[in-house]
Protein backbone atom coordinates (compact mmCIF):
# COMPACT_ATOMS: atom_id res chain seq x y z
CA MET A 1 0.00 0.00 0.00
CA PHE A 2 1.24 3.46 -0.95
CA LYS A 3 1.64 5.85 1.98
CA ILE A 4 1.12 9.55 1.41
CA TYR A 5 3.52 10.45 4.20
CA THR A 6 7.20 9.55 4.14
CA LYS A 7 8.50 11.74 7.00
CA THR A 8 11.55 12.58 4.83
CA GLY A 9 10.49 16.24 4.68
CA ASP A 10 9.99 16.72 8.40
CA LYS A 11 13.20 18.74 8.70
CA GLY A 12 12.41 21.09 5.82
CA GLY A 13 13.99 19.30 2.89
CA THR A 14 12.60 17.51 -0.13
CA SER A 15 13.87 15.60 -3.17
CA LEU A 16 13.73 16.72 -6.76
CA ILE A 17 13.11 14.21 -9.54
CA GLY A 18 16.60 12.78 -9.96
CA GLY A 19 17.19 12.41 -6.23
CA ILE A 20 18.89 15.67 -5.29
CA ARG A 21 17.71 17.02 -1.91
CA VAL A 22 17.02 20.71 -1.53
CA PRO A 23 15.41 22.87 1.15
CA LYS A 24 11.65 23.35 0.76
CA SER A 25 12.37 27.08 0.49
CA HIS A 26 14.38 26.53 -2.74
CA ILE A 27 13.13 28.61 -5.69
CA ARG A 28 12.60 25.44 -7.75
CA ILE A 29 10.19 24.14 -5.08
CA GLU A 30 8.46 27.54 -4.99
CA SER A 31 8.07 27.44 -8.78
CA TYR A 32 6.41 24.06 -9.07
CA GLY A 33 4.41 24.65 -5.89
CA THR A 34 2.96 27.78 -7.45
CA VAL A 35 2.19 25.90 -10.68
CA ASP A 36 0.41 23.29 -8.54
CA GLU A 37 -1.58 26.08 -6.85
CA LEU A 38 -2.49 27.44 -10.28
CA ASN A 39 -3.64 23.99 -11.38
CA SER A 40 -5.88 23.77 -8.31
CA VAL A 41 -7.44 27.18 -8.92
CA ILE A 42 -8.07 26.23 -12.56
CA GLY A 43 -9.90 23.17 -11.20
CA MET A 44 -12.12 25.58 -9.26
CA VAL A 45 -12.78 27.61 -12.42
CA ASN A 46 -13.75 24.40 -14.20
CA ASP A 47 -16.06 23.31 -11.38
CA SER A 48 -17.84 26.66 -11.31
CA ALA A 49 -18.00 27.40 -15.06
CA GLY A 50 -20.41 24.59 -15.91
CA ASN A 51 -19.53 24.65 -19.60
CA GLU A 52 -18.41 21.56 -21.54
CA GLN A 53 -16.21 23.45 -24.02
CA ILE A 54 -14.48 25.40 -21.27
CA SER A 55 -14.03 22.19 -19.29
CA THR A 56 -12.31 20.54 -22.26
CA TRP A 57 -9.97 23.52 -22.59
CA LEU A 58 -9.17 23.63 -18.89
CA ARG A 59 -8.43 19.91 -18.70
CA GLU A 60 -5.93 20.35 -21.54
CA ILE A 61 -4.30 23.22 -19.64
CA GLN A 62 -4.21 21.23 -16.41
CA ASP A 63 -2.37 18.48 -18.26
CA ARG A 64 0.20 21.01 -19.51
CA LEU A 65 0.59 22.38 -15.98
CA PHE A 66 1.42 18.88 -14.72
CA THR A 67 4.01 18.73 -17.50
CA ILE A 68 5.48 22.08 -16.41
CA GLY A 69 5.44 20.99 -12.77
CA SER A 70 7.37 17.83 -13.59
CA MET A 71 9.90 19.84 -15.60
CA LEU A 72 10.39 22.30 -12.72
CA ALA A 73 10.60 19.44 -10.17
CA THR A 74 13.44 17.77 -12.05
CA ALA A 75 16.99 18.27 -10.82
CA PRO A 76 18.98 20.17 -13.42
CA ASP A 77 21.90 18.31 -14.99
CA LYS A 78 20.78 15.03 -13.42
CA GLU A 79 20.07 11.89 -15.42
CA VAL A 80 16.44 10.91 -14.88
CA LYS A 81 15.45 7.29 -15.41
CA MET A 82 11.77 7.93 -16.15
CA LYS A 83 10.38 9.51 -19.31
CA LEU A 84 8.87 12.90 -18.57
CA PRO A 85 6.38 14.76 -20.75
CA ASP A 86 7.48 17.75 -22.81
CA LEU A 87 6.13 21.19 -23.65
CA HIS A 88 5.93 22.19 -27.33
CA ASP A 89 5.52 25.38 -29.37
CA ALA A 90 2.13 23.96 -30.42
CA ASP A 91 0.95 24.23 -26.79
CA ILE A 92 1.46 28.00 -26.91
CA THR A 93 -0.16 28.22 -30.35
CA TRP A 94 -3.14 26.28 -28.97
CA LEU A 95 -3.62 28.92 -26.25
CA GLU A 96 -3.40 31.71 -28.83
CA GLN A 97 -6.04 30.02 -30.97
CA ARG A 98 -8.43 29.71 -27.99
CA ILE A 99 -7.82 33.39 -27.14
CA ASP A 100 -8.65 34.38 -30.73
CA GLU A 101 -11.81 32.21 -30.70
CA MET A 102 -13.09 33.84 -27.53
CA ASN A 103 -12.17 37.35 -28.66
CA GLU A 104 -14.31 36.92 -31.78
CA VAL A 105 -17.48 37.06 -29.67
CA LEU A 106 -16.34 39.49 -26.96
CA PRO A 107 -17.05 43.21 -27.07
CA GLU A 108 -14.02 45.42 -27.62
CA MET A 109 -12.33 46.47 -24.40
CA ARG A 110 -12.31 50.24 -23.97
CA ALA A 111 -11.16 50.38 -20.35
CA PHE A 112 -9.64 48.27 -17.62
CA ILE A 113 -12.13 45.77 -16.22
CA LEU A 114 -12.56 45.07 -12.52
CA PRO A 115 -12.24 41.37 -11.70
CA GLY A 116 -15.68 39.88 -11.10
CA GLY A 117 -18.89 39.15 -12.93
CA ASN A 118 -19.76 35.79 -11.42
CA LEU A 119 -18.01 33.13 -9.35
CA ALA A 120 -16.39 31.35 -12.31
CA SER A 121 -15.15 34.62 -13.83
CA SER A 122 -13.83 35.88 -10.48
CA THR A 123 -12.06 32.57 -9.84
CA CYS A 124 -10.55 32.81 -13.31
CA HIS A 125 -9.08 36.19 -12.37
CA VAL A 126 -7.55 34.59 -9.26
CA ALA A 127 -6.04 31.90 -11.52
CA ARG A 128 -4.64 34.65 -13.75
CA CYS A 129 -2.94 36.27 -10.76
CA VAL A 130 -1.46 32.97 -9.58
CA CYS A 131 -0.26 32.33 -13.15
CA ARG A 132 1.51 35.70 -13.22
CA ARG A 133 3.20 34.85 -9.91
CA ALA A 134 4.35 31.49 -11.30
CA GLU A 135 5.74 33.33 -14.31
CA ARG A 136 7.60 35.83 -12.09
CA ILE A 137 9.14 33.01 -10.06
CA CYS A 138 10.29 31.27 -13.25
CA VAL A 139 11.79 34.53 -14.52
CA ALA A 140 13.63 34.88 -11.20
CA MET A 141 14.96 31.33 -11.63
CA GLN A 142 16.26 32.25 -15.06
CA GLU A 143 17.84 35.45 -13.74
CA ASN A 144 19.59 33.44 -11.01
CA ASN A 145 20.98 30.94 -13.54
CA GLU A 146 18.69 28.17 -12.30
CA PRO A 147 18.11 26.03 -15.43
CA ILE A 148 14.57 26.22 -16.79
CA GLN A 149 13.13 24.81 -20.02
CA GLU A 150 12.79 27.65 -22.53
CA LEU A 151 9.06 27.26 -23.30
CA ILE A 152 7.85 27.44 -19.68
CA ILE A 153 7.92 31.24 -19.37
CA PRO A 154 6.25 31.93 -22.76
CA TYR A 155 3.60 29.30 -21.96
CA LEU A 156 2.81 30.86 -18.57
CA ASN A 157 2.77 34.32 -20.13
CA ARG A 158 0.27 33.23 -22.77
CA LEU A 159 -1.75 31.26 -20.22
CA SER A 160 -2.27 34.39 -18.13
CA ASP A 161 -3.58 36.14 -21.26
CA PHE A 162 -5.86 33.17 -21.90
CA LEU A 163 -7.19 33.29 -18.33
CA PHE A 164 -7.97 37.01 -18.63
CA VAL A 165 -9.88 36.49 -21.86
CA LEU A 166 -11.56 33.39 -20.42
CA ALA A 167 -12.78 35.43 -17.43
CA ARG A 168 -14.34 37.91 -19.85
CA TYR A 169 -15.75 35.08 -21.97
CA ILE A 170 -17.34 33.38 -18.97
CA SER A 171 -18.98 36.67 -18.00
CA HIS A 172 -20.15 37.15 -21.59
CA ILE A 173 -21.77 33.72 -22.02
CA ASN A 174 -23.47 34.12 -18.62
CA ASN A 175 -24.71 37.65 -19.38
CA ALA A 176 -22.79 38.97 -16.37
CA PRO A 177 -21.85 42.63 -16.54
CA GLU A 178 -18.26 43.73 -17.03
CA ILE A 179 -17.56 46.60 -14.68
CA GLU A 180 -15.12 49.08 -16.14
CA TRP A 181 -12.64 50.70 -13.81
CA ARG A 182 -13.17 54.43 -13.57
CA ALA A 183 -10.25 56.25 -12.03
CA ARG A 184 -11.17 58.64 -9.26
CA VAL A 185 -10.34 62.20 -10.28
């Protein structure tokens, strides 16, 4: 029987794929932990959206996020015995195509929009914010010469755009109002 607890992390360390131990505060752990958080929030968007097409899209994205998580959880420069999934340029193109599809039916944006509209749309905005944080952490990894696969940052960047448009799209298909931000003067 598989046990969920191993007690090997009780002193604040954990193992990367490949066996190297690092502190749980390591930026690599922070990066894939944030991607895992994003994946969980996307699950909440899916549960609250109640739309089969959106669900299909979000399941595809969740699969890619598991791919990204496994890439970030792998020890750099370490031979790994298992075959891990890969990210491809086509994954970014796929996001761009979904953004374009949704934008075809959305009204033109003329101002900043306050997050909200309905629960699914609001949760989508939370996912967008978590995605931006994951992207920032990955950029920090890159800046600190921590090896990172080259498509991760562009994918997360495009995913945050997708989540913004999806939030608008969810509001649109549910006839929820978009509230424009009006700066106080």
